[in-house]
N, C-alpha and C. Protein backbone atom coordinates (compact mmCIF):
# COMPACT_ATOMS: atom_id res chain seq x y z
N MET A 1 -6.25 17.09 36.04
CA MET A 1 -4.83 17.88 36.48
C MET A 1 -3.76 19.01 36.38
N PRO A 2 -3.47 20.36 36.89
CA PRO A 2 -3.30 21.56 36.21
C PRO A 2 -1.74 21.24 35.23
N GLN A 3 -2.27 22.80 35.29
CA GLN A 3 -1.57 23.16 34.45
C GLN A 3 -0.09 23.28 33.79
N ARG A 4 0.64 23.70 34.65
CA ARG A 4 1.95 22.81 34.91
C ARG A 4 2.21 21.91 34.69
N THR A 5 1.47 20.78 35.56
CA THR A 5 1.94 19.34 35.01
C THR A 5 1.45 18.61 33.65
N LEU A 6 0.99 19.08 33.15
CA LEU A 6 0.40 18.65 31.90
C LEU A 6 1.60 19.22 30.81
N ALA A 7 1.41 20.64 31.00
CA ALA A 7 2.90 21.28 30.41
C ALA A 7 4.39 20.52 30.68
N ARG A 8 4.54 20.45 31.49
CA ARG A 8 5.79 19.62 32.31
C ARG A 8 5.56 17.90 31.59
N THR A 9 4.77 17.13 31.71
CA THR A 9 4.13 16.42 31.21
C THR A 9 4.65 16.36 29.64
N ALA A 10 4.12 17.36 29.32
CA ALA A 10 4.12 17.26 27.69
C ALA A 10 5.48 17.92 27.15
N ALA A 11 5.95 18.64 27.27
CA ALA A 11 6.86 18.89 27.80
C ALA A 11 8.88 17.80 27.15
N GLY A 12 8.23 16.65 28.32
CA GLY A 12 9.30 15.70 27.70
C GLY A 12 8.26 14.60 26.55
N ASP A 13 7.73 14.58 26.19
CA ASP A 13 7.00 13.94 25.48
C ASP A 13 7.36 14.38 23.97
N PRO A 14 7.88 12.97 23.20
CA PRO A 14 8.36 13.29 21.44
C PRO A 14 7.71 13.61 21.16
N LEU A 15 7.02 13.04 21.12
CA LEU A 15 5.49 12.43 20.00
C LEU A 15 5.05 14.12 19.33
N LEU A 16 4.88 15.39 20.93
CA LEU A 16 4.17 16.84 19.57
C LEU A 16 5.44 17.19 18.61
N GLY A 17 6.96 17.11 19.35
CA GLY A 17 7.76 17.15 17.80
C GLY A 17 7.55 15.89 16.41
N LEU A 18 7.43 15.10 17.10
CA LEU A 18 7.45 14.42 15.58
C LEU A 18 6.70 14.53 14.42
N VAL A 19 5.50 14.34 15.38
CA VAL A 19 4.57 14.77 14.42
C VAL A 19 4.24 15.91 13.98
N GLU A 20 4.61 17.16 14.26
CA GLU A 20 4.93 18.52 13.80
C GLU A 20 5.85 18.39 13.00
N ASP A 21 6.88 17.70 13.13
CA ASP A 21 7.67 17.65 11.78
C ASP A 21 7.10 17.04 10.63
N ARG A 22 6.63 15.71 11.13
CA ARG A 22 5.64 15.34 10.06
C ARG A 22 5.08 16.44 9.15
N PHE A 23 4.02 17.00 9.91
CA PHE A 23 2.72 17.84 9.02
C PHE A 23 3.93 18.80 8.30
N ARG A 24 4.64 19.22 8.79
CA ARG A 24 5.91 20.84 8.60
C ARG A 24 6.63 19.88 6.83
N LEU A 25 6.81 18.56 7.60
CA LEU A 25 7.30 18.08 5.97
C LEU A 25 6.56 17.97 4.67
N LEU A 26 5.43 17.36 5.20
CA LEU A 26 4.27 17.60 4.44
C LEU A 26 3.92 18.82 4.03
N ARG A 27 3.49 19.79 4.38
CA ARG A 27 3.84 20.78 3.92
C ARG A 27 4.19 21.78 2.91
N HIS A 28 5.61 21.58 2.76
CA HIS A 28 6.72 22.17 2.34
C HIS A 28 7.26 21.20 0.83
N CYS A 29 6.09 19.93 1.22
CA CYS A 29 6.52 19.12 -0.03
C CYS A 29 6.65 19.86 -1.25
N PRO A 30 5.41 19.90 -1.73
CA PRO A 30 5.03 21.14 -2.73
C PRO A 30 5.83 21.82 -3.65
N ILE A 31 6.44 22.34 -2.51
CA ILE A 31 7.49 23.25 -2.74
C ILE A 31 8.86 22.96 -2.94
N CYS A 32 9.17 21.23 -3.22
CA CYS A 32 10.38 21.46 -3.07
C CYS A 32 11.60 21.48 -3.84
N GLY A 33 10.69 21.78 -4.65
CA GLY A 33 11.93 21.27 -5.95
C GLY A 33 11.34 22.07 -7.07
N ASP A 34 12.42 22.28 -8.10
CA ASP A 34 11.98 23.21 -9.59
C ASP A 34 11.40 21.88 -10.14
N ARG A 35 9.92 22.91 -10.73
CA ARG A 35 9.28 22.26 -11.10
C ARG A 35 9.42 21.60 -13.12
N ASN A 36 10.00 22.85 -12.79
CA ASN A 36 10.66 23.10 -14.05
C ASN A 36 11.72 21.44 -15.09
N ASP A 37 12.14 21.04 -13.84
CA ASP A 37 13.05 19.82 -14.20
C ASP A 37 12.72 18.56 -13.31
N GLU A 38 11.72 17.73 -13.87
CA GLU A 38 11.00 16.99 -13.26
C GLU A 38 11.66 15.88 -12.73
N GLU A 39 12.90 15.81 -13.40
CA GLU A 39 13.96 14.67 -12.58
C GLU A 39 14.34 14.76 -11.26
N VAL A 40 14.34 16.08 -10.94
CA VAL A 40 14.73 16.42 -9.44
C VAL A 40 13.42 16.48 -8.76
N PHE A 41 12.61 17.53 -9.40
CA PHE A 41 11.70 17.93 -8.60
C PHE A 41 10.97 16.01 -7.95
N ASP A 42 11.23 14.83 -9.00
CA ASP A 42 10.77 13.42 -8.44
C ASP A 42 11.13 13.37 -7.63
N ARG A 43 13.10 13.53 -7.85
CA ARG A 43 14.03 13.50 -6.47
C ARG A 43 13.64 13.28 -4.82
N ARG A 44 13.42 14.90 -5.62
CA ARG A 44 13.00 15.96 -3.99
C ARG A 44 12.34 14.90 -3.26
N LEU A 45 11.18 14.87 -4.18
CA LEU A 45 9.26 14.23 -3.78
C LEU A 45 9.58 13.40 -3.15
N ASP A 46 10.74 12.06 -3.51
CA ASP A 46 10.79 11.25 -3.74
C ASP A 46 11.32 10.68 -1.94
N GLU A 47 12.99 11.72 -1.85
CA GLU A 47 13.36 12.24 -0.70
C GLU A 47 11.91 12.36 0.93
N VAL A 48 11.43 13.48 0.23
CA VAL A 48 10.71 13.78 1.64
C VAL A 48 9.72 12.93 1.77
N GLN A 49 9.61 12.00 0.58
CA GLN A 49 7.95 10.46 1.36
C GLN A 49 9.45 9.81 2.25
N ARG A 50 10.17 9.46 1.87
CA ARG A 50 10.46 9.13 2.56
C ARG A 50 11.29 9.21 3.81
N ARG A 51 11.13 10.93 4.17
CA ARG A 51 11.77 11.25 5.61
C ARG A 51 10.11 10.87 6.16
N ILE A 52 9.30 11.26 5.23
CA ILE A 52 7.76 11.94 6.35
C ILE A 52 7.54 9.57 6.97
N ARG A 53 7.83 8.40 5.92
CA ARG A 53 7.27 8.09 6.31
C ARG A 53 8.22 6.72 7.59
N ARG A 54 9.41 7.39 7.56
CA ARG A 54 10.13 7.82 8.77
C ARG A 54 10.05 7.42 9.37
N LEU A 55 9.00 9.03 9.76
CA LEU A 55 8.62 9.67 10.84
C LEU A 55 7.39 8.69 11.37
N ASP A 56 6.98 8.24 11.15
CA ASP A 56 5.08 7.84 10.66
C ASP A 56 5.84 7.01 11.21
N GLU A 57 7.09 5.85 10.90
CA GLU A 57 7.43 4.97 12.10
C GLU A 57 7.69 4.85 13.05
N ARG A 58 8.31 5.97 13.68
CA ARG A 58 8.89 6.16 14.92
C ARG A 58 8.06 6.67 16.12
N ILE A 59 6.44 7.79 15.23
CA ILE A 59 5.63 8.12 15.89
C ILE A 59 4.39 6.60 16.22
N VAL A 60 4.77 5.59 15.36
CA VAL A 60 3.54 4.76 15.85
C VAL A 60 4.18 3.66 16.75
N ARG A 61 5.48 3.87 16.45
CA ARG A 61 5.59 3.12 17.62
C ARG A 61 6.76 3.14 18.74
N THR A 62 6.14 4.25 19.25
CA THR A 62 6.05 5.28 20.36
C THR A 62 4.99 5.18 21.53
N VAL A 63 4.63 5.22 22.87
CA VAL A 63 4.05 5.98 22.78
C VAL A 63 3.82 6.91 24.26
N ALA A 64 2.72 7.27 24.25
CA ALA A 64 2.25 8.85 24.55
C ALA A 64 2.66 9.24 25.73
N THR A 65 3.09 9.86 25.95
CA THR A 65 3.23 10.07 27.50
C THR A 65 2.62 11.79 28.41
N SER A 66 1.69 12.09 27.72
CA SER A 66 1.22 12.96 28.01
C SER A 66 -0.39 13.06 26.78
N THR A 67 -0.98 14.14 26.88
CA THR A 67 -2.26 14.23 26.60
C THR A 67 -1.90 14.98 25.38
N PRO A 68 -1.42 15.94 25.53
CA PRO A 68 -1.73 16.44 24.36
C PRO A 68 -0.53 15.70 23.26
N GLY A 69 0.18 14.69 23.60
CA GLY A 69 0.89 12.96 22.80
C GLY A 69 -0.27 12.77 22.35
N LEU A 70 -0.85 12.00 23.46
CA LEU A 70 -2.25 11.52 22.33
C LEU A 70 -2.69 12.23 21.47
N LEU A 71 -2.76 13.55 21.73
CA LEU A 71 -3.78 13.98 20.78
C LEU A 71 -2.68 14.74 19.41
N ALA A 72 -2.21 14.45 19.50
CA ALA A 72 -0.81 14.84 18.44
C ALA A 72 -1.42 13.36 17.14
N GLN A 73 -0.63 12.17 18.13
CA GLN A 73 -1.47 10.81 17.51
C GLN A 73 -2.79 11.00 16.91
N LEU A 74 -3.52 11.17 17.74
CA LEU A 74 -5.04 10.89 17.12
C LEU A 74 -4.82 11.78 15.39
N ARG A 75 -4.46 12.93 15.55
CA ARG A 75 -4.24 14.00 14.66
C ARG A 75 -3.52 12.64 13.51
N LEU A 76 -2.30 12.96 13.70
CA LEU A 76 -2.00 11.46 12.40
C LEU A 76 -2.90 10.71 12.42
N LEU A 77 -3.81 9.73 13.17
CA LEU A 77 -4.52 9.06 12.48
C LEU A 77 -5.05 9.64 12.01
N ALA A 78 -5.85 10.62 12.41
CA ALA A 78 -7.26 11.15 10.75
C ALA A 78 -7.08 11.61 9.50
N ALA A 79 -5.06 11.78 9.60
CA ALA A 79 -4.61 12.11 7.85
C ALA A 79 -4.42 10.94 7.79
N PHE A 80 -3.94 9.52 8.11
CA PHE A 80 -4.07 8.82 7.13
C PHE A 80 -5.15 8.05 7.14
N TYR A 81 -6.09 8.34 7.13
CA TYR A 81 -7.44 7.79 7.01
C TYR A 81 -7.82 9.09 5.23
N GLU A 82 -7.58 10.30 6.11
CA GLU A 82 -7.70 11.19 4.84
C GLU A 82 -6.56 11.29 3.36
N GLU A 83 -5.00 9.81 3.68
CA GLU A 83 -4.19 9.93 2.54
C GLU A 83 -4.76 8.56 1.96
N SER A 84 -5.54 7.69 2.12
CA SER A 84 -5.29 6.91 1.91
C SER A 84 -6.52 6.54 1.62
N ALA A 85 -6.52 5.74 0.67
CA ALA A 85 -8.28 5.30 0.24
C ALA A 85 -8.70 3.79 0.91
N ASN A 86 -7.56 3.16 1.37
CA ASN A 86 -8.01 1.44 2.44
C ASN A 86 -7.79 2.13 3.21
N GLY A 87 -8.00 2.89 4.32
CA GLY A 87 -7.90 3.72 5.53
C GLY A 87 -7.01 3.61 6.04
N ALA A 88 -7.09 3.62 6.74
CA ALA A 88 -5.13 4.00 7.80
C ALA A 88 -4.19 2.54 8.04
N GLY A 89 -4.73 1.65 7.35
CA GLY A 89 -3.88 0.50 6.67
C GLY A 89 -3.03 0.21 7.82
N ARG A 90 -2.07 -0.58 7.75
CA ARG A 90 -0.91 -1.19 8.92
C ARG A 90 -0.14 0.04 9.40
N ARG A 91 -0.18 1.17 9.66
CA ARG A 91 0.18 2.00 10.22
C ARG A 91 -0.89 2.53 11.30
N GLY A 92 -1.56 3.05 10.54
CA GLY A 92 -2.82 3.19 11.67
C GLY A 92 -3.42 2.09 12.67
N SER A 93 -3.07 0.99 12.59
CA SER A 93 -3.21 -0.43 13.08
C SER A 93 -2.10 0.54 14.53
N LEU A 94 -0.78 0.20 13.66
CA LEU A 94 -0.26 0.29 14.99
C LEU A 94 0.23 1.34 15.79
N LEU A 95 -1.16 2.60 15.25
CA LEU A 95 -0.68 3.62 15.92
C LEU A 95 -1.80 3.89 16.50
N ILE A 96 -2.79 3.15 16.19
CA ILE A 96 -4.56 2.80 17.14
C ILE A 96 -3.87 1.91 18.48
N GLN A 97 -2.35 0.87 18.78
CA GLN A 97 -2.52 0.27 20.03
C GLN A 97 -1.53 0.89 20.78
N ALA A 98 -0.49 2.61 19.67
CA ALA A 98 0.69 3.03 20.79
C ALA A 98 -1.09 3.34 21.70
N ILE A 99 -2.05 4.04 21.03
CA ILE A 99 -2.56 5.66 21.48
C ILE A 99 -3.69 4.84 22.41
N ALA A 100 -3.67 3.45 22.21
CA ALA A 100 -4.82 2.50 23.22
C ALA A 100 -3.25 2.13 25.03
N GLU A 101 -2.23 2.40 24.40
CA GLU A 101 -2.04 1.49 25.40
C GLU A 101 -1.33 3.14 26.67
N GLY A 102 -0.71 4.72 25.37
CA GLY A 102 -0.78 5.67 26.20
C GLY A 102 -1.88 6.08 27.16
N VAL A 103 -3.62 5.91 26.14
CA VAL A 103 -4.32 6.11 27.39
C VAL A 103 -4.07 5.43 28.62
N THR A 104 -4.12 3.95 28.63
CA THR A 104 -4.04 3.37 29.39
C THR A 104 -2.33 3.29 30.64
N GLN A 105 -1.86 3.95 29.68
CA GLN A 105 -0.24 4.35 30.80
C GLN A 105 -0.94 5.73 31.59
N LEU A 106 -1.41 6.44 30.78
CA LEU A 106 -1.73 7.96 31.63
C LEU A 106 -3.04 7.80 32.74
N GLU A 107 -3.68 6.58 32.41
CA GLU A 107 -4.87 7.04 33.15
C GLU A 107 -4.51 5.71 34.32
N ALA A 108 -2.99 5.44 34.32
CA ALA A 108 -2.68 4.41 35.36
C ALA A 108 -2.18 5.11 36.91
N ARG A 109 -1.94 6.82 36.03
CA ARG A 109 -1.34 7.75 36.93
C ARG A 109 -2.31 8.71 37.28
N ILE A 110 -2.99 8.59 37.35
CA ILE A 110 -3.84 9.29 37.92
C ILE A 110 -4.81 8.15 38.78
N SER A 111 -4.92 9.75 40.28
CA SER A 111 -5.05 8.45 41.11
C SER A 111 -6.50 9.53 41.64
N LEU A 112 -7.00 7.96 42.49
CA LEU A 112 -8.77 8.66 42.78
C LEU A 112 -8.09 9.92 43.72
N PRO A 113 -10.23 9.91 43.58
CA PRO A 113 -9.72 11.20 45.72
C PRO A 113 -10.06 10.12 46.22
N PRO A 114 -9.54 10.32 47.36
CA PRO A 114 -9.45 9.68 48.77
C PRO A 114 -10.77 9.05 49.33
N THR A 115 -11.98 9.33 49.05
CA THR A 115 -13.26 8.99 49.34
C THR A 115 -13.40 7.55 48.62
N ILE A 116 -13.06 7.77 47.22
CA ILE A 116 -13.62 5.90 46.12
C ILE A 116 -12.18 5.19 46.40
N SER A 117 -11.11 6.28 46.33
CA SER A 117 -9.98 5.28 46.87
C SER A 117 -9.90 4.28 47.88
N THR A 118 -10.58 5.21 49.24
CA THR A 118 -10.75 4.04 50.40
C THR A 118 -11.85 3.24 50.43
N GLY A 119 -13.22 3.54 49.65
CA GLY A 119 -14.10 2.74 49.71
C GLY A 119 -15.25 3.28 50.85
N LEU A 120 -14.59 4.99 51.31
CA LEU A 120 -15.63 5.26 52.34
C LEU A 120 -17.23 5.67 51.61
N ARG A 121 -18.64 5.20 52.27
CA ARG A 121 -19.93 5.37 51.75
C ARG A 121 -19.93 5.82 53.29
N THR A 122 -21.51 7.18 52.04
CA THR A 122 -21.63 7.75 53.02
C THR A 122 -23.52 6.48 53.90
N SER A 123 -24.16 7.40 54.49
CA SER A 123 -25.43 6.40 54.72
C SER A 123 -26.53 6.77 53.35
N ALA A 124 -26.21 7.93 52.80
CA ALA A 124 -26.94 8.24 51.51
C ALA A 124 -26.99 7.13 50.29
N ASP A 125 -25.30 6.82 50.26
CA ASP A 125 -25.09 5.20 49.53
C ASP A 125 -25.20 4.39 49.08
N SER A 126 -25.47 3.99 50.84
CA SER A 126 -26.49 2.76 51.24
C SER A 126 -28.16 2.68 52.04
N GLY A 127 -28.31 3.74 51.34
CA GLY A 127 -30.02 4.22 51.38
C GLY A 127 -30.59 4.37 52.44
N GLY A 128 -29.88 5.54 52.36
CA GLY A 128 -29.84 6.13 54.44
C GLY A 128 -30.22 4.50 55.97
N LEU A 129 -29.70 3.92 55.39
CA LEU A 129 -29.55 2.70 56.96
C LEU A 129 -27.90 3.04 57.08
């Protein structure tokens, strides 16, 4: 796929931004509050975790429209396994389904070279006969 087509396709894929927002929230989570005030810290931590879960739900229900979108989902799937003692769980199962659907849709858009799609054969293909 030409680089320009890939960039244009990726630009229309919301997954890149959603996954990046999720990891950005996670990175900033430990510094989200004043640890001296445990109640404030807990409240802010809970809010960040709820926002991350909402993003996760959107991500696992979105089908990628680009290769970079699929790669972003795979990055998140790896994070699900790292974050949980029980594997990826329900979110991971839903994400695997979305990834599979994205692969299927992207594959359907790839056109085969003319010699393959038309079924042309050479004498070498038929054993020289």
